[in-house]
Amino acid sequence: MTGTFYHIGSVVLAVAVLWAVISIVYVSWKNGISPMPSSAPVRRAVIFEMNRMTEGERRLIVEAGSGWGTLALDVARNTRGSQFVGIENSSIPLGISKLMARINQQTEVTFIRGDIYNYSYGNVNVVLCYLYPGAMKRLSKILYEQLAPEAIIIAICFALPDWQPERVITCGDLYQTKVYVYRKRSIS
C-alpha cells in the first residue's frame, strides 16, 4: 500500500511540475520573453537610485512585469516609506512573488495579476521595468500619456524609445547591464 501512495504522489508531483513548466513556457511565448530575475549589481544600482529620491518622490512604485518579484522585494527591503505594486501576468512567478512577500513579511509590497498595458499609471511616482524592446516601445507611449509630470522611470537593460534619460548607470555585472533613469518633464 505504501508503494501505491508513493507512486501516486510521484505522478501528482510530475503532473504539477509539467503544468508549471507548460504555464511558464506558454506565458513566455505570449509575452515574447520569459520572467528574468535581475542580478544583484542591477538591484543595487536601482536601490541606489531609489535612495537618491525623497520619500515624496517614491510614494507609489510600480514594477511593470514583476516576474519572480526579486527586484520589488529587494528594493522595498532597502527603501522605506513607499508602497510597491508588482504587476505580473504569469501565474507561477506571481505565486512565488506573493509567497516571498508573505514569508519576508513585506506588507508594503503587493503583487497583482494584470496586464502592464492596461494598468492605470496616473498616481504612480516611480515605474520600474525590466522588459524587452518591444514591450518598452509599447509601454513608452502609455507612460508618456499617463504619468504625472516629474514621475520617474527606471528601466533595466533596454531604453525607452523617444525618451532622454537623466542618467545611465552601467552595472558591474557580467553583461555591463545599463540602468536608465528617466523623469517625465512637463510640457512648457
N, C-alpha and C. Protein backbone atom coordinates (compact mmCIF):
# COMPACT_ATOMS: atom_id res chain seq x y z
N MET A 1 0.81 -1.19 0.00
CA MET A 1 0.00 0.00 0.00
C MET A 1 0.86 1.25 0.00
N THR A 2 1.96 1.24 0.75
CA THR A 2 2.85 2.39 0.80
C THR A 2 3.43 2.67 -0.57
N GLY A 3 3.78 1.64 -1.32
CA GLY A 3 4.31 1.81 -2.67
C GLY A 3 3.31 2.48 -3.60
N THR A 4 2.03 2.14 -3.45
CA THR A 4 0.98 2.75 -4.28
C THR A 4 0.86 4.24 -4.00
N PHE A 5 0.88 4.64 -2.71
CA PHE A 5 0.81 6.06 -2.35
C PHE A 5 2.04 6.81 -2.86
N TYR A 6 3.19 6.14 -2.76
CA TYR A 6 4.42 6.74 -3.26
C TYR A 6 4.31 6.97 -4.77
N HIS A 7 3.81 5.98 -5.48
CA HIS A 7 3.66 6.08 -6.94
C HIS A 7 2.66 7.20 -7.30
N ILE A 8 1.53 7.24 -6.62
CA ILE A 8 0.52 8.27 -6.88
C ILE A 8 1.11 9.65 -6.58
N GLY A 9 1.82 9.77 -5.48
CA GLY A 9 2.46 11.04 -5.12
C GLY A 9 3.46 11.49 -6.18
N SER A 10 4.23 10.53 -6.70
CA SER A 10 5.20 10.84 -7.75
C SER A 10 4.52 11.33 -9.02
N VAL A 11 3.41 10.67 -9.38
CA VAL A 11 2.67 11.06 -10.57
C VAL A 11 2.07 12.46 -10.39
N VAL A 12 1.49 12.73 -9.24
CA VAL A 12 0.91 14.05 -8.96
C VAL A 12 1.99 15.12 -9.03
N LEU A 13 3.14 14.87 -8.42
CA LEU A 13 4.25 15.81 -8.46
C LEU A 13 4.72 16.05 -9.89
N ALA A 14 4.86 14.99 -10.66
CA ALA A 14 5.30 15.11 -12.05
C ALA A 14 4.30 15.93 -12.88
N VAL A 15 3.02 15.69 -12.67
CA VAL A 15 1.98 16.45 -13.39
C VAL A 15 2.03 17.93 -12.98
N ALA A 16 2.21 18.20 -11.68
CA ALA A 16 2.28 19.59 -11.20
C ALA A 16 3.48 20.31 -11.80
N VAL A 17 4.63 19.64 -11.83
CA VAL A 17 5.83 20.25 -12.41
C VAL A 17 5.63 20.48 -13.90
N LEU A 18 5.07 19.51 -14.59
CA LEU A 18 4.81 19.65 -16.02
C LEU A 18 3.85 20.81 -16.27
N TRP A 19 2.78 20.92 -15.48
CA TRP A 19 1.83 22.03 -15.63
C TRP A 19 2.54 23.37 -15.41
N ALA A 20 3.40 23.45 -14.40
CA ALA A 20 4.11 24.70 -14.11
C ALA A 20 5.02 25.08 -15.28
N VAL A 21 5.74 24.11 -15.82
CA VAL A 21 6.64 24.38 -16.95
C VAL A 21 5.84 24.83 -18.17
N ILE A 22 4.77 24.12 -18.47
CA ILE A 22 3.93 24.49 -19.62
C ILE A 22 3.35 25.89 -19.43
N SER A 23 2.90 26.20 -18.23
CA SER A 23 2.34 27.51 -17.93
C SER A 23 3.37 28.62 -18.18
N ILE A 24 4.57 28.43 -17.66
CA ILE A 24 5.63 29.44 -17.82
C ILE A 24 6.01 29.57 -19.30
N VAL A 25 6.15 28.46 -20.00
CA VAL A 25 6.51 28.49 -21.42
C VAL A 25 5.42 29.19 -22.23
N TYR A 26 4.16 28.86 -21.96
CA TYR A 26 3.06 29.47 -22.71
C TYR A 26 3.02 30.98 -22.51
N VAL A 27 3.08 31.43 -21.26
CA VAL A 27 3.02 32.87 -20.99
C VAL A 27 4.27 33.56 -21.53
N SER A 28 5.41 32.91 -21.46
CA SER A 28 6.64 33.48 -22.03
C SER A 28 6.51 33.64 -23.54
N TRP A 29 5.94 32.64 -24.18
CA TRP A 29 5.71 32.72 -25.63
C TRP A 29 4.75 33.87 -25.95
N LYS A 30 3.67 33.96 -25.18
CA LYS A 30 2.67 35.02 -25.38
C LYS A 30 3.27 36.41 -25.14
N ASN A 31 4.10 36.55 -24.11
CA ASN A 31 4.71 37.84 -23.78
C ASN A 31 5.89 38.19 -24.69
N GLY A 32 6.50 37.19 -25.27
CA GLY A 32 7.68 37.43 -26.10
C GLY A 32 8.98 37.36 -25.31
N ILE A 33 8.87 37.06 -24.02
CA ILE A 33 10.06 36.95 -23.16
C ILE A 33 9.68 36.18 -21.90
N SER A 34 10.65 35.52 -21.30
CA SER A 34 10.38 34.79 -20.05
C SER A 34 10.68 35.70 -18.86
N PRO A 35 10.10 35.38 -17.68
CA PRO A 35 10.42 36.17 -16.49
C PRO A 35 11.90 36.03 -16.17
N MET A 36 12.59 37.15 -16.04
CA MET A 36 14.04 37.13 -15.85
C MET A 36 14.40 37.90 -14.58
N PRO A 37 14.97 37.23 -13.58
CA PRO A 37 15.36 37.98 -12.38
C PRO A 37 16.54 38.91 -12.67
N SER A 38 16.55 40.05 -12.02
CA SER A 38 17.66 40.99 -12.19
C SER A 38 18.82 40.55 -11.30
N SER A 39 20.03 40.86 -11.74
CA SER A 39 21.23 40.48 -10.99
C SER A 39 21.39 41.36 -9.75
N ALA A 40 22.20 40.91 -8.81
CA ALA A 40 22.45 41.68 -7.59
C ALA A 40 23.05 43.06 -7.90
N PRO A 41 24.04 43.18 -8.80
CA PRO A 41 24.55 44.53 -9.11
C PRO A 41 23.48 45.45 -9.69
N VAL A 42 22.58 44.91 -10.48
CA VAL A 42 21.49 45.72 -11.05
C VAL A 42 20.55 46.16 -9.93
N ARG A 43 20.19 45.25 -9.06
CA ARG A 43 19.30 45.60 -7.95
C ARG A 43 19.95 46.67 -7.06
N ARG A 44 21.26 46.55 -6.82
CA ARG A 44 21.96 47.57 -6.02
C ARG A 44 21.90 48.94 -6.70
N ALA A 45 22.06 48.97 -8.02
CA ALA A 45 22.00 50.24 -8.76
C ALA A 45 20.61 50.86 -8.65
N VAL A 46 19.58 50.04 -8.77
CA VAL A 46 18.21 50.54 -8.65
C VAL A 46 17.97 51.05 -7.23
N ILE A 47 18.41 50.31 -6.24
CA ILE A 47 18.25 50.74 -4.84
C ILE A 47 18.97 52.06 -4.61
N PHE A 48 20.16 52.21 -5.14
CA PHE A 48 20.90 53.47 -5.02
C PHE A 48 20.10 54.61 -5.61
N GLU A 49 19.54 54.40 -6.80
CA GLU A 49 18.73 55.44 -7.45
C GLU A 49 17.49 55.76 -6.64
N MET A 50 16.84 54.74 -6.10
CA MET A 50 15.65 54.95 -5.29
C MET A 50 15.98 55.76 -4.03
N ASN A 51 17.12 55.48 -3.43
CA ASN A 51 17.51 56.19 -2.21
C ASN A 51 17.99 57.61 -2.48
N ARG A 52 18.26 57.95 -3.73
CA ARG A 52 18.58 59.34 -4.09
C ARG A 52 17.33 60.21 -4.07
N MET A 53 16.17 59.58 -4.21
CA MET A 53 14.89 60.30 -4.26
C MET A 53 14.39 60.60 -2.85
N THR A 54 13.56 61.62 -2.74
CA THR A 54 12.90 61.89 -1.47
C THR A 54 11.75 60.90 -1.31
N GLU A 55 11.27 60.75 -0.08
CA GLU A 55 10.14 59.83 0.15
C GLU A 55 8.92 60.27 -0.65
N GLY A 56 8.72 61.58 -0.80
CA GLY A 56 7.59 62.08 -1.58
C GLY A 56 7.66 61.70 -3.04
N GLU A 57 8.88 61.58 -3.57
CA GLU A 57 9.05 61.21 -4.97
C GLU A 57 8.77 59.73 -5.21
N ARG A 58 8.79 58.93 -4.15
CA ARG A 58 8.64 57.49 -4.33
C ARG A 58 7.55 56.90 -3.43
N ARG A 59 6.43 57.60 -3.34
CA ARG A 59 5.33 57.09 -2.52
C ARG A 59 4.73 55.81 -3.09
N LEU A 60 4.46 55.81 -4.40
CA LEU A 60 3.89 54.62 -5.05
C LEU A 60 4.82 54.19 -6.18
N ILE A 61 5.32 52.99 -6.05
CA ILE A 61 6.26 52.43 -7.02
C ILE A 61 5.60 51.22 -7.66
N VAL A 62 5.61 51.18 -8.97
CA VAL A 62 5.03 50.05 -9.69
C VAL A 62 6.13 49.39 -10.51
N GLU A 63 6.23 48.08 -10.37
CA GLU A 63 7.13 47.33 -11.24
C GLU A 63 6.28 46.70 -12.33
N ALA A 64 6.46 47.17 -13.54
CA ALA A 64 5.72 46.67 -14.70
C ALA A 64 6.40 45.39 -15.17
N GLY A 65 5.74 44.27 -14.98
CA GLY A 65 6.33 42.98 -15.31
C GLY A 65 7.26 42.54 -14.20
N SER A 66 6.68 42.22 -13.03
CA SER A 66 7.50 41.95 -11.84
C SER A 66 8.12 40.56 -11.80
N GLY A 67 7.74 39.67 -12.71
CA GLY A 67 8.37 38.35 -12.77
C GLY A 67 8.35 37.64 -11.44
N TRP A 68 9.51 37.24 -10.97
CA TRP A 68 9.66 36.46 -9.74
C TRP A 68 9.65 37.34 -8.49
N GLY A 69 9.60 38.67 -8.67
CA GLY A 69 9.49 39.58 -7.54
C GLY A 69 10.80 39.99 -6.89
N THR A 70 11.92 39.51 -7.41
CA THR A 70 13.21 39.78 -6.75
C THR A 70 13.53 41.27 -6.70
N LEU A 71 13.26 42.00 -7.76
CA LEU A 71 13.58 43.43 -7.78
C LEU A 71 12.71 44.19 -6.79
N ALA A 72 11.40 44.05 -6.88
CA ALA A 72 10.49 44.78 -5.98
C ALA A 72 10.77 44.45 -4.52
N LEU A 73 10.98 43.18 -4.21
CA LEU A 73 11.20 42.79 -2.82
C LEU A 73 12.51 43.35 -2.29
N ASP A 74 13.57 43.32 -3.10
CA ASP A 74 14.86 43.84 -2.67
C ASP A 74 14.82 45.36 -2.53
N VAL A 75 14.20 46.04 -3.48
CA VAL A 75 14.10 47.50 -3.39
C VAL A 75 13.26 47.88 -2.17
N ALA A 76 12.15 47.20 -1.95
CA ALA A 76 11.29 47.51 -0.79
C ALA A 76 12.04 47.29 0.53
N ARG A 77 12.85 46.26 0.58
CA ARG A 77 13.61 45.94 1.79
C ARG A 77 14.64 47.04 2.09
N ASN A 78 15.10 47.73 1.05
CA ASN A 78 16.18 48.70 1.21
C ASN A 78 15.78 50.15 1.02
N THR A 79 14.50 50.41 0.85
CA THR A 79 13.99 51.78 0.78
C THR A 79 12.70 51.82 1.59
N ARG A 80 12.61 52.71 2.51
CA ARG A 80 11.44 52.78 3.39
C ARG A 80 10.51 53.91 2.94
N GLY A 81 9.26 53.81 3.37
CA GLY A 81 8.30 54.87 3.14
C GLY A 81 7.60 54.81 1.80
N SER A 82 7.60 53.66 1.16
CA SER A 82 6.96 53.53 -0.15
C SER A 82 6.03 52.34 -0.18
N GLN A 83 5.07 52.40 -1.07
CA GLN A 83 4.20 51.26 -1.38
C GLN A 83 4.60 50.73 -2.75
N PHE A 84 4.67 49.43 -2.88
CA PHE A 84 5.07 48.79 -4.12
C PHE A 84 3.93 47.96 -4.67
N VAL A 85 3.77 48.01 -5.98
CA VAL A 85 2.84 47.14 -6.67
C VAL A 85 3.63 46.46 -7.79
N GLY A 86 3.64 45.16 -7.78
CA GLY A 86 4.26 44.39 -8.87
C GLY A 86 3.15 43.83 -9.74
N ILE A 87 3.23 44.09 -11.04
CA ILE A 87 2.22 43.61 -11.98
C ILE A 87 2.84 42.47 -12.78
N GLU A 88 2.19 41.32 -12.78
CA GLU A 88 2.70 40.14 -13.49
C GLU A 88 1.51 39.38 -14.08
N ASN A 89 1.70 38.84 -15.27
CA ASN A 89 0.61 38.06 -15.88
C ASN A 89 0.89 36.57 -15.94
N SER A 90 2.02 36.13 -15.43
CA SER A 90 2.35 34.70 -15.41
C SER A 90 2.11 34.17 -13.99
N SER A 91 1.22 33.18 -13.87
CA SER A 91 0.75 32.75 -12.56
C SER A 91 1.83 32.13 -11.67
N ILE A 92 2.77 31.39 -12.22
CA ILE A 92 3.79 30.74 -11.38
C ILE A 92 4.73 31.78 -10.76
N PRO A 93 5.37 32.66 -11.55
CA PRO A 93 6.19 33.69 -10.92
C PRO A 93 5.39 34.59 -9.97
N LEU A 94 4.14 34.89 -10.34
CA LEU A 94 3.30 35.71 -9.47
C LEU A 94 3.08 35.02 -8.12
N GLY A 95 2.78 33.73 -8.15
CA GLY A 95 2.59 32.98 -6.91
C GLY A 95 3.85 32.95 -6.05
N ILE A 96 5.00 32.78 -6.69
CA ILE A 96 6.28 32.79 -5.96
C ILE A 96 6.50 34.17 -5.34
N SER A 97 6.22 35.23 -6.09
CA SER A 97 6.38 36.60 -5.58
C SER A 97 5.52 36.82 -4.35
N LYS A 98 4.26 36.43 -4.43
CA LYS A 98 3.35 36.62 -3.30
C LYS A 98 3.82 35.83 -2.09
N LEU A 99 4.26 34.61 -2.33
CA LEU A 99 4.75 33.76 -1.24
C LEU A 99 5.98 34.40 -0.58
N MET A 100 6.92 34.89 -1.39
CA MET A 100 8.14 35.50 -0.84
C MET A 100 7.81 36.77 -0.04
N ALA A 101 6.86 37.57 -0.53
CA ALA A 101 6.45 38.77 0.20
C ALA A 101 5.86 38.39 1.55
N ARG A 102 5.06 37.33 1.56
CA ARG A 102 4.44 36.88 2.81
C ARG A 102 5.49 36.32 3.76
N ILE A 103 6.39 35.48 3.27
CA ILE A 103 7.44 34.89 4.11
C ILE A 103 8.32 35.98 4.72
N ASN A 104 8.65 36.99 3.92
CA ASN A 104 9.51 38.08 4.38
C ASN A 104 8.74 39.18 5.10
N GLN A 105 7.44 38.98 5.26
CA GLN A 105 6.57 39.94 5.95
C GLN A 105 6.71 41.35 5.37
N GLN A 106 6.74 41.43 4.05
CA GLN A 106 6.86 42.72 3.38
C GLN A 106 5.46 43.20 2.99
N THR A 107 4.80 43.81 3.95
CA THR A 107 3.43 44.25 3.75
C THR A 107 3.31 45.46 2.82
N GLU A 108 4.42 46.15 2.58
CA GLU A 108 4.39 47.31 1.68
C GLU A 108 4.44 46.90 0.21
N VAL A 109 4.57 45.60 -0.06
CA VAL A 109 4.64 45.10 -1.43
C VAL A 109 3.40 44.26 -1.72
N THR A 110 2.73 44.59 -2.82
CA THR A 110 1.58 43.84 -3.28
C THR A 110 1.85 43.39 -4.71
N PHE A 111 1.65 42.12 -4.97
CA PHE A 111 1.79 41.61 -6.32
C PHE A 111 0.40 41.30 -6.86
N ILE A 112 0.13 41.77 -8.06
CA ILE A 112 -1.18 41.54 -8.66
C ILE A 112 -1.02 40.90 -10.03
N ARG A 113 -2.02 40.12 -10.39
CA ARG A 113 -2.07 39.57 -11.74
C ARG A 113 -2.69 40.65 -12.62
N GLY A 114 -1.99 41.01 -13.67
CA GLY A 114 -2.51 42.07 -14.51
C GLY A 114 -1.73 42.23 -15.80
N ASP A 115 -2.20 43.16 -16.57
CA ASP A 115 -1.62 43.50 -17.87
C ASP A 115 -0.96 44.87 -17.73
N ILE A 116 0.34 44.94 -17.92
CA ILE A 116 1.06 46.20 -17.74
C ILE A 116 0.59 47.28 -18.71
N TYR A 117 -0.03 46.89 -19.80
CA TYR A 117 -0.50 47.86 -20.80
C TYR A 117 -1.89 48.39 -20.46
N ASN A 118 -2.59 47.77 -19.54
CA ASN A 118 -3.92 48.23 -19.14
C ASN A 118 -3.95 48.80 -17.73
N TYR A 119 -2.83 48.83 -17.05
CA TYR A 119 -2.75 49.38 -15.70
C TYR A 119 -2.84 50.91 -15.79
N SER A 120 -3.45 51.52 -14.80
CA SER A 120 -3.55 52.98 -14.76
C SER A 120 -2.36 53.54 -13.98
N TYR A 121 -1.47 54.24 -14.66
CA TYR A 121 -0.24 54.77 -14.06
C TYR A 121 -0.40 56.22 -13.58
N GLY A 122 -1.62 56.75 -13.55
CA GLY A 122 -1.85 58.15 -13.23
C GLY A 122 -1.33 58.60 -11.88
N ASN A 123 -1.37 57.75 -10.84
CA ASN A 123 -0.94 58.13 -9.49
C ASN A 123 0.42 57.56 -9.12
N VAL A 124 1.11 56.99 -10.08
CA VAL A 124 2.39 56.32 -9.82
C VAL A 124 3.52 57.34 -9.81
N ASN A 125 4.39 57.24 -8.81
CA ASN A 125 5.55 58.13 -8.72
C ASN A 125 6.77 57.56 -9.44
N VAL A 126 6.94 56.24 -9.36
CA VAL A 126 8.10 55.58 -9.97
C VAL A 126 7.63 54.30 -10.66
N VAL A 127 8.11 54.09 -11.87
CA VAL A 127 7.87 52.84 -12.59
C VAL A 127 9.22 52.16 -12.76
N LEU A 128 9.29 50.91 -12.33
CA LEU A 128 10.47 50.07 -12.56
C LEU A 128 10.11 49.10 -13.68
N CYS A 129 11.02 48.89 -14.61
CA CYS A 129 10.73 47.91 -15.66
C CYS A 129 12.01 47.26 -16.18
N TYR A 130 11.90 45.96 -16.38
CA TYR A 130 12.96 45.15 -16.98
C TYR A 130 12.24 44.33 -18.05
N LEU A 131 12.05 44.96 -19.19
CA LEU A 131 11.26 44.39 -20.27
C LEU A 131 12.08 44.33 -21.54
N TYR A 132 11.61 43.65 -22.54
CA TYR A 132 12.30 43.56 -23.82
C TYR A 132 11.94 44.78 -24.68
N PRO A 133 12.70 45.05 -25.75
CA PRO A 133 12.50 46.29 -26.54
C PRO A 133 11.07 46.51 -27.05
N GLY A 134 10.40 45.47 -27.51
CA GLY A 134 9.03 45.63 -28.00
C GLY A 134 8.08 46.10 -26.90
N ALA A 135 8.24 45.56 -25.71
CA ALA A 135 7.41 45.97 -24.58
C ALA A 135 7.74 47.39 -24.16
N MET A 136 9.02 47.75 -24.20
CA MET A 136 9.41 49.12 -23.84
C MET A 136 8.81 50.12 -24.82
N LYS A 137 8.79 49.77 -26.09
CA LYS A 137 8.21 50.66 -27.09
C LYS A 137 6.71 50.84 -26.83
N ARG A 138 6.04 49.75 -26.57
CA ARG A 138 4.59 49.82 -26.33
C ARG A 138 4.28 50.57 -25.03
N LEU A 139 5.07 50.33 -23.99
CA LEU A 139 4.85 50.98 -22.69
C LEU A 139 5.24 52.46 -22.73
N SER A 140 6.18 52.83 -23.57
CA SER A 140 6.65 54.21 -23.66
C SER A 140 5.51 55.19 -23.88
N LYS A 141 4.67 54.91 -24.83
CA LYS A 141 3.55 55.80 -25.15
C LYS A 141 2.57 55.86 -23.98
N ILE A 142 2.29 54.73 -23.37
CA ILE A 142 1.36 54.68 -22.25
C ILE A 142 1.88 55.51 -21.09
N LEU A 143 3.16 55.37 -20.76
CA LEU A 143 3.74 56.13 -19.65
C LEU A 143 3.75 57.62 -19.97
N TYR A 144 4.05 57.97 -21.20
CA TYR A 144 4.07 59.38 -21.59
C TYR A 144 2.69 60.00 -21.42
N GLU A 145 1.66 59.26 -21.78
CA GLU A 145 0.29 59.77 -21.68
C GLU A 145 -0.24 59.79 -20.25
N GLN A 146 0.16 58.83 -19.43
CA GLN A 146 -0.49 58.67 -18.13
C GLN A 146 0.29 59.21 -16.94
N LEU A 147 1.61 59.15 -16.96
CA LEU A 147 2.37 59.57 -15.78
C LEU A 147 2.25 61.07 -15.56
N ALA A 148 2.22 61.44 -14.30
CA ALA A 148 2.21 62.85 -13.95
C ALA A 148 3.60 63.43 -14.19
N PRO A 149 3.68 64.75 -14.40
CA PRO A 149 5.00 65.38 -14.53
C PRO A 149 5.84 65.08 -13.29
N GLU A 150 7.12 64.90 -13.52
CA GLU A 150 8.13 64.59 -12.50
C GLU A 150 8.14 63.13 -12.07
N ALA A 151 7.26 62.30 -12.59
CA ALA A 151 7.33 60.87 -12.29
C ALA A 151 8.63 60.31 -12.86
N ILE A 152 9.10 59.26 -12.25
CA ILE A 152 10.41 58.69 -12.61
C ILE A 152 10.21 57.29 -13.15
N ILE A 153 11.01 56.95 -14.15
CA ILE A 153 11.03 55.60 -14.71
C ILE A 153 12.46 55.09 -14.61
N ILE A 154 12.60 53.91 -14.08
CA ILE A 154 13.91 53.25 -14.04
C ILE A 154 13.78 51.99 -14.88
N ALA A 155 14.51 51.98 -15.99
CA ALA A 155 14.44 50.88 -16.94
C ALA A 155 15.76 50.11 -16.93
N ILE A 156 15.64 48.81 -16.83
CA ILE A 156 16.81 47.95 -16.78
C ILE A 156 17.05 47.34 -18.16
N CYS A 157 18.26 47.46 -18.63
CA CYS A 157 18.76 46.81 -19.83
C CYS A 157 18.30 47.48 -21.14
N PHE A 158 17.03 47.79 -21.26
CA PHE A 158 16.52 48.35 -22.51
C PHE A 158 15.97 49.74 -22.28
N ALA A 159 16.39 50.67 -23.13
CA ALA A 159 15.97 52.07 -23.01
C ALA A 159 14.54 52.26 -23.50
N LEU A 160 13.93 53.33 -23.02
CA LEU A 160 12.62 53.74 -23.53
C LEU A 160 12.84 54.53 -24.82
N PRO A 161 12.24 54.10 -25.92
CA PRO A 161 12.42 54.86 -27.15
C PRO A 161 11.77 56.24 -27.03
N ASP A 162 12.38 57.22 -27.63
CA ASP A 162 11.87 58.60 -27.67
C ASP A 162 11.92 59.31 -26.32
N TRP A 163 12.61 58.77 -25.34
CA TRP A 163 12.80 59.43 -24.06
C TRP A 163 14.30 59.71 -23.89
N GLN A 164 14.62 60.79 -23.22
CA GLN A 164 16.03 61.13 -22.95
C GLN A 164 16.31 60.83 -21.48
N PRO A 165 17.21 59.88 -21.18
CA PRO A 165 17.48 59.58 -19.78
C PRO A 165 18.22 60.71 -19.07
N GLU A 166 17.94 60.88 -17.79
CA GLU A 166 18.71 61.81 -16.96
C GLU A 166 20.08 61.22 -16.67
N ARG A 167 20.09 59.91 -16.46
CA ARG A 167 21.33 59.19 -16.14
C ARG A 167 21.27 57.81 -16.75
N VAL A 168 22.44 57.31 -17.08
CA VAL A 168 22.58 55.92 -17.48
C VAL A 168 23.68 55.33 -16.61
N ILE A 169 23.34 54.31 -15.86
CA ILE A 169 24.29 53.67 -14.97
C ILE A 169 24.71 52.35 -15.60
N THR A 170 25.99 52.10 -15.65
CA THR A 170 26.49 50.81 -16.12
C THR A 170 26.86 49.99 -14.89
N CYS A 171 26.19 48.86 -14.74
CA CYS A 171 26.39 48.00 -13.57
C CYS A 171 27.66 47.18 -13.76
N GLY A 172 28.20 46.73 -12.66
CA GLY A 172 29.42 45.94 -12.69
C GLY A 172 29.18 44.45 -12.83
N ASP A 173 28.08 44.07 -13.49
CA ASP A 173 27.82 42.64 -13.65
C ASP A 173 28.49 42.12 -14.92
N LEU A 174 28.34 40.86 -15.18
CA LEU A 174 28.97 40.20 -16.32
C LEU A 174 28.63 40.88 -17.65
N TYR A 175 27.40 41.34 -17.78
CA TYR A 175 26.94 41.91 -19.05
C TYR A 175 27.05 43.42 -19.12
N GLN A 176 27.58 44.05 -18.06
CA GLN A 176 27.67 45.51 -18.01
C GLN A 176 26.29 46.12 -18.29
N THR A 177 25.30 45.57 -17.61
CA THR A 177 23.91 45.98 -17.80
C THR A 177 23.74 47.47 -17.54
N LYS A 178 22.94 48.10 -18.37
CA LYS A 178 22.65 49.52 -18.23
C LYS A 178 21.32 49.70 -17.49
N VAL A 179 21.28 50.70 -16.63
CA VAL A 179 20.06 51.11 -15.95
C VAL A 179 19.81 52.55 -16.37
N TYR A 180 18.64 52.79 -16.96
CA TYR A 180 18.27 54.10 -17.48
C TYR A 180 17.31 54.77 -16.50
N VAL A 181 17.60 56.01 -16.14
CA VAL A 181 16.75 56.76 -15.24
C VAL A 181 16.15 57.93 -16.01
N TYR A 182 14.83 57.96 -16.04
CA TYR A 182 14.08 59.00 -16.76
C TYR A 182 13.20 59.77 -15.80
N ARG A 183 12.93 61.01 -16.14
CA ARG A 183 11.95 61.81 -15.41
C ARG A 183 11.02 62.43 -16.45
N LYS A 184 9.73 62.25 -16.23
CA LYS A 184 8.77 62.84 -17.16
C LYS A 184 8.73 64.35 -16.89
N ARG A 185 9.04 65.08 -17.90
CA ARG A 185 9.06 66.54 -17.79
C ARG A 185 7.72 67.10 -18.25
N SER A 186 7.30 68.15 -17.59
CA SER A 186 6.07 68.79 -18.03
C SER A 186 6.35 69.56 -19.31
N ILE A 187 5.32 69.63 -20.14
CA ILE A 187 5.46 70.33 -21.41
C ILE A 187 5.30 71.83 -21.13
N SER A 188 6.29 72.61 -21.56
CA SER A 188 6.22 74.05 -21.31
C SER A 188 5.79 74.80 -22.53
